[in-house]
Amino acid sequence: MDIKTLLANIQNTSFSFDVNGLSLNSQTVQKGDLFVALQGNQEHGYDYIEDAISNGCVAVLVDGKDVECSVPSIRVDNLKSYLVKLAKNLYPKANNIKLIAVTGTNGKTSVCHFISQLATSLNIKNGVIGTLGLTSIDKKTINTTPDIFTIYSALQNYINQGMKLVVIEASSHALVQGRLEGLTFIQGIFTNLTQDHLDFHKNMKSYKEAKGKLFNKNSIEKAIINLDDDNHSYFLNVSSEIPTETFCNNDFSYFKSNEYGFICKLNNFVFELPLIGNFNLSNALAAYKSIRSLGYEDDNVIPKLTELSPPPGRMQKIPRKNIWIDYAHTPDALLNVLKTLKFHYPDYRIRLVFGCGGDRDKTKRQIMGKIASANANSIIITNDNPRSEKPEKICDDILAGIKVENDVQVILDRRKAITSAVQTLGEDEVLLIAGKGHEEIQIIGSERLAFSDYEVAINALI
């Protein structure tokens, strides 16, 4: 059924236009696209129809109301229920590729990229969809998991490029909002669950249930679960009707840290894992289990673990300096990264630059302040992405968790905060710049300003 027939079945209307693509976002509309304006979509709904037209859309589907505009406008009641049909119709190849989904609070990006790196080393042509964008398509994404049309379109493009495997970060928002609906995954991987996104989910129970939606027997063929996480029993239970594998750090016969990572023994193989942090032991194991589940033997997989490298903004080291950039923006992630640096650099003072995002879970700010207070020798609190909130209020929320006796400064200008920390770093000190990681913009009010923690830190050394 072509899209004209599909739309005619939805609404008895005649059409005189061709559709090249589908878009829920007026900013990403391309010439020839059909713009889908959903009711209640505050960013890209009714109010953005003219923007979509300016960007080249040939027609508009409008949810539950009539709209007059300069291109054909079709009213569709309960439009959201037709998104999967529209996506499958225009991108019919999207489900003809092996898909792996990774969900969890922390580690999704690293696990996805480790799987991709291992697959590439085994000559499996593959792509990744997630926080860092769409690999091989060179396209940035607004969300960790893009909207349903972006995903289906990307998958069809991947297939046209001859790819055999795609790894997708499955965020809790995406699972609740149906952005992965209609797709079948050969694997679903659970990394961990800690506090985040309670501004959206309201409580940890709802957050956990959102993650659990991935492990539906109708959409996934195998579950791979992290036994080291306290919530593993819940995820084993929700995936009880499908084949399941597990992983935990006890899978290693032993591991010993050094300045560059770990010396490990796994299934009688001794090798160096060039990643610091116990959490990266877990992330590497998840990727190892994933590739093994594709049918590859240890002889092929384990030697490739020595070649893994962190994705941008995930424990990313500034060359020749003890300065680390990390995306840690949750209490658990910040604690893990600080403990990692203390573990690998036991004789060094730990310095920290961080903030918290505005218009997001406010309850974690004081908790992160306490974690910083207990695990860093000196702290600079600065802007993250304050968005519409007052930066001073965000900093006050963080300061509520920091002990009075701590060495702490507030420098709201993030560029000045990073520059100050880098240029005053002692020989016996390690600096962590946390919160934004790979991000290349900073959102202050309604402005999206070019900003990279990595570039600022590099420039501060010049």
Protein backbone atom coordinates (compact mmCIF):
# COMPACT_ATOMS: atom_id res chain seq x y z
CA MET A 1 0.00 0.00 0.00
CA ASP A 2 1.50 3.34 -0.99
CA ILE A 3 1.23 6.36 1.24
CA LYS A 4 -1.52 7.98 -0.81
CA THR A 5 -3.68 4.89 -0.43
CA LEU A 6 -2.89 4.70 3.26
CA LEU A 7 -3.88 8.32 3.80
CA ALA A 8 -7.00 7.83 1.71
CA ASN A 9 -7.96 4.97 4.02
CA ILE A 10 -7.43 7.20 7.02
CA GLN A 11 -9.33 10.09 5.55
CA ASN A 12 -11.46 10.01 2.41
CA THR A 13 -9.54 12.66 0.52
CA SER A 14 -7.90 12.85 -2.89
CA PHE A 15 -4.21 13.69 -3.06
CA SER A 16 -2.09 15.34 -5.70
CA PHE A 17 1.35 15.33 -4.12
CA ASP A 18 4.27 12.91 -3.74
CA VAL A 19 5.95 12.34 -0.37
CA ASN A 20 9.70 11.80 -0.02
CA GLY A 21 9.88 11.55 3.76
CA LEU A 22 8.07 11.96 7.07
CA SER A 23 8.88 14.40 9.84
CA LEU A 24 7.57 15.17 13.32
CA ASN A 25 10.04 18.01 13.72
CA SER A 26 9.68 21.24 11.74
CA GLN A 27 13.43 21.89 12.15
CA THR A 28 14.38 18.70 10.33
CA VAL A 29 11.82 18.89 7.52
CA GLN A 30 13.38 18.48 4.08
CA LYS A 31 11.97 19.33 0.68
CA GLY A 32 9.24 16.87 -0.22
CA ASP A 33 8.49 15.74 3.34
CA LEU A 34 5.08 15.23 4.89
CA PHE A 35 4.96 17.12 8.22
CA VAL A 36 3.03 15.35 10.98
CA ALA A 37 1.72 17.91 13.50
CA LEU A 38 0.74 16.08 16.67
CA GLN A 39 -1.61 17.56 19.25
CA GLY A 40 0.20 18.42 22.47
CA ASN A 41 3.64 18.42 20.83
CA GLN A 42 4.87 21.66 22.38
CA GLU A 43 8.02 21.81 20.29
CA HIS A 44 6.82 20.74 16.88
CA GLY A 45 3.02 20.67 16.74
CA TYR A 46 0.42 23.05 15.28
CA ASP A 47 2.41 26.20 15.96
CA TYR A 48 5.28 25.02 13.74
CA ILE A 49 3.35 24.25 10.57
CA GLU A 50 4.51 27.44 8.85
CA ASP A 51 8.12 26.64 9.77
CA ALA A 52 7.70 23.18 8.25
CA ILE A 53 6.27 24.71 5.08
CA SER A 54 9.19 27.14 4.89
CA ASN A 55 11.57 24.18 5.10
CA GLY A 56 9.87 22.46 2.15
CA CYS A 57 7.10 20.17 3.38
CA VAL A 58 4.57 19.33 0.66
CA ALA A 59 1.64 18.58 2.96
CA VAL A 60 0.64 18.46 6.61
CA LEU A 61 -1.17 15.86 8.68
CA VAL A 62 -2.92 17.58 11.58
CA ASP A 63 -4.13 15.85 14.71
CA GLY A 64 -7.84 16.34 15.35
CA LYS A 65 -8.39 19.85 13.96
CA ASP A 66 -8.68 21.67 10.66
CA VAL A 67 -5.85 24.00 9.75
CA GLU A 68 -5.65 26.33 6.78
CA CYS A 69 -2.21 26.70 5.22
CA SER A 70 -0.50 27.04 1.84
CA VAL A 71 0.00 23.28 1.33
CA PRO A 72 -2.57 20.46 1.52
CA SER A 73 -3.68 19.97 5.13
CA ILE A 74 -5.31 16.70 6.15
CA ARG A 75 -7.08 16.36 9.47
CA VAL A 76 -6.60 12.94 11.10
CA ASP A 77 -8.26 12.10 14.39
CA ASN A 78 -6.01 10.17 16.81
CA LEU A 79 -3.10 10.75 14.46
CA LYS A 80 -0.54 9.29 16.86
CA SER A 81 -2.04 5.81 16.41
CA TYR A 82 -1.07 5.89 12.71
CA LEU A 83 2.62 6.75 13.15
CA VAL A 84 3.86 3.17 12.92
CA LYS A 85 1.76 2.50 9.81
CA LEU A 86 3.07 5.64 8.17
CA ALA A 87 6.68 4.77 9.06
CA LYS A 88 6.41 1.18 7.83
CA ASN A 89 4.74 2.33 4.64
CA LEU A 90 7.30 4.91 3.63
CA TYR A 91 10.34 3.02 4.99
CA PRO A 92 9.41 -0.62 4.28
CA LYS A 93 12.96 -1.98 4.57
CA ALA A 94 13.52 -0.63 8.10
CA ASN A 95 12.83 -3.92 9.86
CA ASN A 96 14.97 -5.98 7.47
CA ILE A 97 18.18 -5.57 9.46
CA LYS A 98 19.50 -7.05 12.70
CA LEU A 99 18.78 -4.65 15.57
CA ILE A 100 20.20 -4.52 19.10
CA ALA A 101 18.74 -2.18 21.73
CA VAL A 102 20.59 -1.06 24.87
CA THR A 103 18.70 0.47 27.79
CA GLY A 104 19.71 1.64 31.27
CA THR A 105 20.51 4.86 33.08
CA ASN A 106 24.25 4.84 32.48
CA GLY A 107 26.47 3.07 29.99
CA LYS A 108 24.12 2.97 26.98
CA THR A 109 26.38 5.01 24.73
CA SER A 110 29.54 3.15 25.72
CA VAL A 111 27.97 -0.29 25.31
CA CYS A 112 26.52 0.63 21.90
CA HIS A 113 29.87 1.90 20.67
CA PHE A 114 31.80 -1.05 22.11
CA ILE A 115 29.43 -3.44 20.30
CA SER A 116 29.93 -1.41 17.13
CA GLN A 117 33.73 -1.45 17.51
CA LEU A 118 33.78 -5.21 18.07
CA ALA A 119 31.43 -5.78 15.14
CA THR A 120 33.59 -3.62 12.88
CA SER A 121 36.71 -5.55 13.90
CA LEU A 122 34.86 -8.73 12.86
CA ASN A 123 33.99 -7.19 9.47
CA ILE A 124 30.31 -6.73 10.32
CA LYS A 125 29.20 -3.50 8.66
CA ASN A 126 27.15 -1.69 11.30
CA GLY A 127 25.72 1.59 12.55
CA VAL A 128 24.74 3.18 15.85
CA ILE A 129 21.73 5.35 16.68
CA GLY A 130 21.96 7.26 19.95
CA THR A 131 23.23 10.18 21.96
CA LEU A 132 26.15 10.84 19.62
CA GLY A 133 23.91 10.88 16.55
CA LEU A 134 23.58 8.52 13.59
CA THR A 135 26.91 6.96 12.62
CA SER A 136 27.66 6.59 8.91
CA ILE A 137 24.90 9.09 8.16
CA ASP A 138 26.72 11.90 9.98
CA LYS A 139 23.55 13.31 11.45
CA LYS A 140 23.12 14.80 14.92
CA THR A 141 20.02 13.95 16.95
CA ILE A 142 18.12 16.03 19.47
CA ASN A 143 17.25 13.09 21.73
CA THR A 144 19.15 9.99 22.86
CA THR A 145 16.61 7.95 20.89
CA PRO A 146 15.28 9.94 17.90
CA ASP A 147 11.61 10.06 16.91
CA ILE A 148 10.05 7.11 15.13
CA PHE A 149 10.33 8.58 11.61
CA THR A 150 14.00 9.46 12.05
CA ILE A 151 14.74 5.93 13.25
CA TYR A 152 12.87 4.21 10.43
CA SER A 153 14.41 6.51 7.82
CA ALA A 154 17.91 5.91 9.25
CA LEU A 155 17.42 2.15 9.23
CA GLN A 156 16.35 2.20 5.61
CA ASN A 157 19.42 4.30 4.77
CA TYR A 158 21.63 1.85 6.65
CA ILE A 159 20.20 -1.05 4.66
CA ASN A 160 20.78 0.85 1.42
CA GLN A 161 24.43 1.25 2.53
CA GLY A 162 24.73 -2.52 2.93
CA MET A 163 24.80 -2.61 6.71
CA LYS A 164 24.02 -5.84 8.54
CA LEU A 165 23.61 -4.63 12.14
CA VAL A 166 22.40 -1.49 13.93
CA VAL A 167 22.76 -0.82 17.66
CA ILE A 168 20.24 1.61 19.20
CA GLU A 169 20.20 3.41 22.54
CA ALA A 170 16.72 2.88 23.98
CA SER A 171 15.92 5.71 26.37
CA SER A 172 13.06 5.50 28.87
CA HIS A 173 11.33 8.42 27.14
CA ALA A 174 11.50 6.60 23.80
CA LEU A 175 10.08 3.39 25.25
CA VAL A 176 7.14 5.20 26.84
CA GLN A 177 6.49 7.33 23.75
CA GLY A 178 6.62 4.43 21.29
CA ARG A 179 9.57 5.66 19.24
CA LEU A 180 10.75 2.05 18.73
CA GLU A 181 7.31 0.64 18.06
CA GLY A 182 7.01 -1.86 15.24
CA LEU A 183 10.68 -2.86 15.32
CA THR A 184 11.98 -6.31 16.26
CA PHE A 185 15.29 -6.62 18.13
CA ILE A 186 17.54 -9.67 18.16
CA GLN A 187 18.86 -8.50 21.55
CA GLY A 188 17.86 -6.16 24.35
CA ILE A 189 20.59 -5.26 26.84
CA PHE A 190 20.02 -3.83 30.35
CA THR A 191 23.01 -1.97 31.84
CA ASN A 192 21.81 -0.48 35.16
CA LEU A 193 19.14 1.65 36.81
CA THR A 194 19.82 4.68 39.00
CA GLN A 195 18.05 7.98 39.60
CA ASP A 196 17.44 10.12 36.53
CA HIS A 197 14.55 11.68 34.59
CA LEU A 198 12.21 11.85 37.58
CA ASP A 199 10.95 15.15 36.16
CA PHE A 200 9.34 12.98 33.47
CA HIS A 201 8.66 9.66 35.23
CA LYS A 202 7.85 11.15 38.67
CA ASN A 203 9.17 8.13 40.64
CA MET A 204 11.66 5.29 40.33
CA LYS A 205 8.93 2.66 39.95
CA SER A 206 7.61 4.31 36.80
CA TYR A 207 11.15 4.87 35.53
CA LYS A 208 11.99 1.18 36.01
CA GLU A 209 8.76 0.08 34.33
CA ALA A 210 9.58 2.33 31.36
CA LYS A 211 12.94 0.57 30.92
CA GLY A 212 11.19 -2.78 31.28
CA LYS A 213 9.02 -2.08 28.23
CA LEU A 214 11.94 -3.04 26.03
CA PHE A 215 11.79 -6.67 27.14
CA ASN A 216 8.48 -7.55 25.54
CA LYS A 217 8.40 -11.03 24.05
CA ASN A 218 6.75 -9.66 20.91
CA SER A 219 9.58 -7.25 20.11
CA ILE A 220 12.76 -8.88 21.37
CA GLU A 221 14.40 -12.26 20.80
CA LYS A 222 17.00 -12.35 23.61
CA ALA A 223 17.63 -10.39 26.82
CA ILE A 224 21.12 -9.70 28.21
CA ILE A 225 20.93 -8.54 31.85
CA ASN A 226 23.52 -7.02 34.21
CA LEU A 227 23.49 -9.06 37.44
CA ASP A 228 25.61 -6.46 39.24
CA ASP A 229 22.70 -4.01 39.24
CA ASP A 230 20.33 -4.15 42.21
CA ASN A 231 17.33 -4.17 39.87
CA HIS A 232 18.38 -7.24 37.90
CA SER A 233 15.61 -9.43 39.39
CA TYR A 234 12.93 -7.14 37.97
CA PHE A 235 14.44 -7.25 34.49
CA LEU A 236 14.94 -11.02 34.63
CA ASN A 237 11.26 -11.30 35.55
CA VAL A 238 9.94 -9.05 32.74
CA SER A 239 12.07 -10.97 30.23
CA SER A 240 11.16 -14.41 31.61
CA GLU A 241 9.34 -15.44 28.42
CA ILE A 242 12.37 -14.97 26.18
CA PRO A 243 15.89 -16.50 26.17
CA THR A 244 18.10 -14.64 28.64
CA GLU A 245 21.82 -14.27 29.27
CA THR A 246 23.50 -12.43 32.14
CA PHE A 247 26.81 -10.76 32.85
CA CYS A 248 28.61 -9.45 35.93
CA ASN A 249 32.13 -8.50 36.92
CA ASN A 250 32.56 -11.92 38.56
CA ASP A 251 32.71 -13.28 35.00
CA PHE A 252 36.35 -12.18 35.12
CA SER A 253 38.63 -14.67 36.88
CA TYR A 254 40.52 -11.60 38.01
CA PHE A 255 41.22 -8.01 37.03
CA LYS A 256 43.86 -5.58 38.22
CA SER A 257 43.90 -1.87 37.55
CA ASN A 258 46.73 0.22 36.19
CA GLU A 259 46.98 3.81 34.98
CA TYR A 260 45.63 2.86 31.55
CA GLY A 261 42.87 0.40 32.43
CA PHE A 262 42.90 -3.21 33.58
CA ILE A 263 44.75 -6.48 33.17
CA CYS A 264 41.96 -9.07 32.97
CA LYS A 265 41.46 -12.80 32.80
CA LEU A 266 38.29 -13.99 31.09
CA ASN A 267 37.66 -17.62 30.16
CA ASN A 268 41.41 -18.44 30.28
CA PHE A 269 42.35 -15.41 28.15
CA VAL A 270 44.63 -12.81 29.78
CA PHE A 271 44.51 -9.38 28.15
CA GLU A 272 44.68 -5.64 28.76
CA LEU A 273 41.42 -3.69 28.65
CA PRO A 274 42.39 -0.09 27.77
CA LEU A 275 39.46 1.52 29.64
CA ILE A 276 39.47 2.90 33.16
CA GLY A 277 36.64 2.43 35.65
CA ASN A 278 34.84 -0.65 36.99
CA PHE A 279 31.76 0.50 35.07
CA ASN A 280 33.74 0.00 31.87
CA LEU A 281 34.48 -3.57 32.90
CA SER A 282 30.70 -3.99 32.95
CA ASN A 283 30.21 -2.13 29.67
CA ALA A 284 32.88 -4.22 27.95
CA LEU A 285 31.30 -7.43 29.26
CA ALA A 286 27.90 -6.37 27.91
CA ALA A 287 29.42 -5.83 24.48
CA TYR A 288 31.32 -9.13 24.69
CA LYS A 289 28.12 -11.02 25.57
CA SER A 290 26.27 -9.32 22.74
CA ILE A 291 28.82 -10.30 20.10
CA ARG A 292 29.15 -13.83 21.50
CA SER A 293 25.36 -14.14 21.19
CA LEU A 294 25.70 -13.43 17.48
CA GLY A 295 27.59 -16.73 17.19
CA TYR A 296 31.23 -15.67 17.47
CA GLU A 297 33.71 -17.65 19.60
CA ASP A 298 36.04 -16.35 22.33
CA ASP A 299 39.05 -16.78 20.04
CA ASN A 300 37.54 -14.16 17.73
CA VAL A 301 36.03 -11.81 20.32
CA ILE A 302 38.23 -11.56 23.42
CA PRO A 303 41.43 -10.43 21.61
CA LYS A 304 39.37 -7.59 20.12
CA LEU A 305 38.57 -6.26 23.61
CA THR A 306 42.14 -4.96 23.79
CA GLU A 307 41.31 -2.54 20.96
CA LEU A 308 38.26 -0.86 22.54
CA SER A 309 38.29 2.91 22.98
CA PRO A 310 35.79 5.16 24.78
CA PRO A 311 33.30 7.16 22.72
CA PRO A 312 33.65 10.96 22.83
CA GLY A 313 32.84 12.43 26.22
CA ARG A 314 32.93 9.12 28.07
CA MET A 315 36.04 9.10 30.27
CA GLN A 316 37.80 10.96 27.47
CA LYS A 317 41.33 11.99 28.40
CA ILE A 318 43.02 15.22 27.37
CA PRO A 319 46.32 14.18 25.74
CA ARG A 320 49.37 14.28 28.03
CA LYS A 321 47.38 15.73 30.93
CA ASN A 322 45.49 14.21 33.85
CA ILE A 323 42.27 15.86 32.69
CA TRP A 324 39.16 13.82 31.96
CA ILE A 325 35.90 14.73 30.22
CA ASP A 326 32.81 12.70 31.12
CA TYR A 327 29.07 12.93 30.48
CA ALA A 328 28.28 12.02 34.13
CA HIS A 329 25.08 13.93 34.86
CA THR A 330 23.37 11.58 37.31
CA PRO A 331 24.30 10.88 40.94
CA ASP A 332 25.39 7.32 40.22
CA ALA A 333 27.45 8.29 37.17
CA LEU A 334 29.23 11.10 39.01
CA LEU A 335 30.00 8.81 41.96
CA ASN A 336 31.35 6.09 39.68
CA VAL A 337 33.60 8.47 37.75
CA LEU A 338 35.03 10.10 40.89
CA LYS A 339 35.65 6.70 42.48
CA THR A 340 37.29 5.57 39.26
CA LEU A 341 39.78 8.42 39.32
CA LYS A 342 40.54 7.84 43.02
CA PHE A 343 41.03 4.14 42.26
CA HIS A 344 43.38 4.63 39.30
CA TYR A 345 45.17 7.68 40.80
CA PRO A 346 45.26 6.90 44.55
CA ASP A 347 48.02 9.40 45.36
CA TYR A 348 46.49 12.37 43.50
CA ARG A 349 44.12 15.11 44.61
CA ILE A 350 40.82 15.05 42.72
CA ARG A 351 39.46 18.31 41.33
CA LEU A 352 35.97 18.60 39.87
CA VAL A 353 34.10 21.03 37.61
CA PHE A 354 30.38 20.30 37.23
CA GLY A 355 26.83 21.64 37.30
CA CYS A 356 23.30 20.35 36.79
CA GLY A 357 20.87 20.91 33.95
CA GLY A 358 17.91 23.26 34.26
CA ASP A 359 14.30 22.19 33.67
CA ARG A 360 15.24 18.64 34.68
CA ASP A 361 15.08 16.47 37.80
CA LYS A 362 15.79 18.92 40.64
CA THR A 363 15.97 16.28 43.36
CA LYS A 364 19.32 14.96 42.14
CA ARG A 365 21.14 18.29 42.56
CA GLN A 366 21.67 18.13 46.31
CA ILE A 367 22.54 14.43 46.02
CA MET A 368 25.21 15.22 43.45
CA GLY A 369 26.50 17.97 45.71
CA LYS A 370 26.92 15.43 48.51
CA ILE A 371 28.73 13.04 46.17
CA ALA A 372 31.07 15.80 45.01
CA SER A 373 31.66 16.88 48.60
CA ALA A 374 32.61 13.37 49.70
CA ASN A 375 34.78 12.40 46.73
CA ALA A 376 36.54 15.50 45.37
CA ASN A 377 39.25 17.54 47.06
CA SER A 378 38.18 20.77 45.39
CA ILE A 379 35.06 21.72 43.47
CA ILE A 380 34.01 24.36 40.99
CA ILE A 381 30.24 24.56 40.50
CA THR A 382 29.28 26.03 37.15
CA ASN A 383 26.55 26.11 34.53
CA ASP A 384 25.62 22.92 32.74
CA ASN A 385 22.62 23.64 30.46
CA PRO A 386 20.57 25.96 32.69
CA ARG A 387 17.85 26.31 30.03
CA SER A 388 15.03 28.49 31.41
CA GLU A 389 16.07 28.24 35.07
CA LYS A 390 18.18 30.78 36.91
CA PRO A 391 21.75 29.45 37.11
CA GLU A 392 22.13 30.82 40.63
CA LYS A 393 19.17 28.73 41.83
CA ILE A 394 20.62 25.55 40.31
CA CYS A 395 23.97 26.22 42.02
CA ASP A 396 22.22 26.85 45.35
CA ASP A 397 20.48 23.49 45.02
CA ILE A 398 23.85 21.80 44.50
CA LEU A 399 25.50 23.75 47.33
CA ALA A 400 22.83 22.45 49.73
CA GLY A 401 24.59 19.09 49.56
CA ILE A 402 28.15 20.36 49.99
CA LYS A 403 29.83 20.64 53.36
CA VAL A 404 30.82 24.12 54.48
CA GLU A 405 34.44 23.10 54.97
CA ASN A 406 34.85 21.93 51.36
CA ASP A 407 37.13 23.79 48.96
CA VAL A 408 34.38 25.02 46.65
CA GLN A 409 33.98 27.88 44.20
CA VAL A 410 31.04 29.01 42.10
CA ILE A 411 32.01 30.24 38.62
CA LEU A 412 28.83 30.37 36.54
CA ASP A 413 30.59 30.97 33.23
CA ARG A 414 31.51 27.40 32.24
CA ARG A 415 34.33 28.50 29.93
CA LYS A 416 35.96 30.50 32.74
CA ALA A 417 35.40 27.67 35.22
CA ILE A 418 37.11 25.07 32.99
CA THR A 419 39.91 27.43 32.01
CA SER A 420 40.61 28.29 35.65
CA ALA A 421 40.68 24.64 36.69
CA VAL A 422 42.93 23.57 33.80
CA GLN A 423 45.43 26.41 34.21
CA THR A 424 45.79 25.93 37.98
CA LEU A 425 46.01 22.12 37.91
CA GLY A 426 48.93 20.83 39.96
CA GLU A 427 51.28 17.98 39.07
CA ASP A 428 49.75 15.85 41.82
CA GLU A 429 46.15 16.54 40.79
CA VAL A 430 43.56 15.00 38.46
CA LEU A 431 40.75 17.09 36.98
CA LEU A 432 37.29 15.82 36.07
CA ILE A 433 35.06 18.02 33.91
CA ALA A 434 31.63 16.41 34.24
CA GLY A 435 28.11 16.74 32.94
CA LYS A 436 28.21 17.63 29.25
CA GLY A 437 30.70 15.16 27.81
CA HIS A 438 30.37 15.02 24.02
CA GLU A 439 27.88 17.90 23.76
CA GLU A 440 28.80 20.71 21.38
CA ILE A 441 26.22 23.25 22.52
CA GLN A 442 25.21 24.91 25.77
CA ILE A 443 21.57 25.88 26.29
CA ILE A 444 21.14 29.13 28.22
CA GLY A 445 17.61 30.48 28.17
CA SER A 446 16.36 30.08 24.62
CA GLU A 447 19.87 30.28 23.11
CA ARG A 448 21.82 27.25 21.87
CA LEU A 449 25.45 28.34 21.99
CA ALA A 450 28.42 26.50 20.50
CA PHE A 451 30.33 24.94 23.38
CA SER A 452 32.60 21.91 23.83
CA ASP A 453 34.18 20.99 27.18
CA TYR A 454 36.95 19.19 25.31
CA GLU A 455 37.81 22.16 23.07
CA VAL A 456 37.69 24.62 25.98
CA ALA A 457 40.06 22.42 28.00
CA ILE A 458 42.46 22.04 25.05
CA ASN A 459 42.44 25.79 24.39
CA ALA A 460 43.15 26.49 28.06
CA LEU A 461 46.42 24.59 27.74
CA ILE A 462 47.67 26.68 24.79
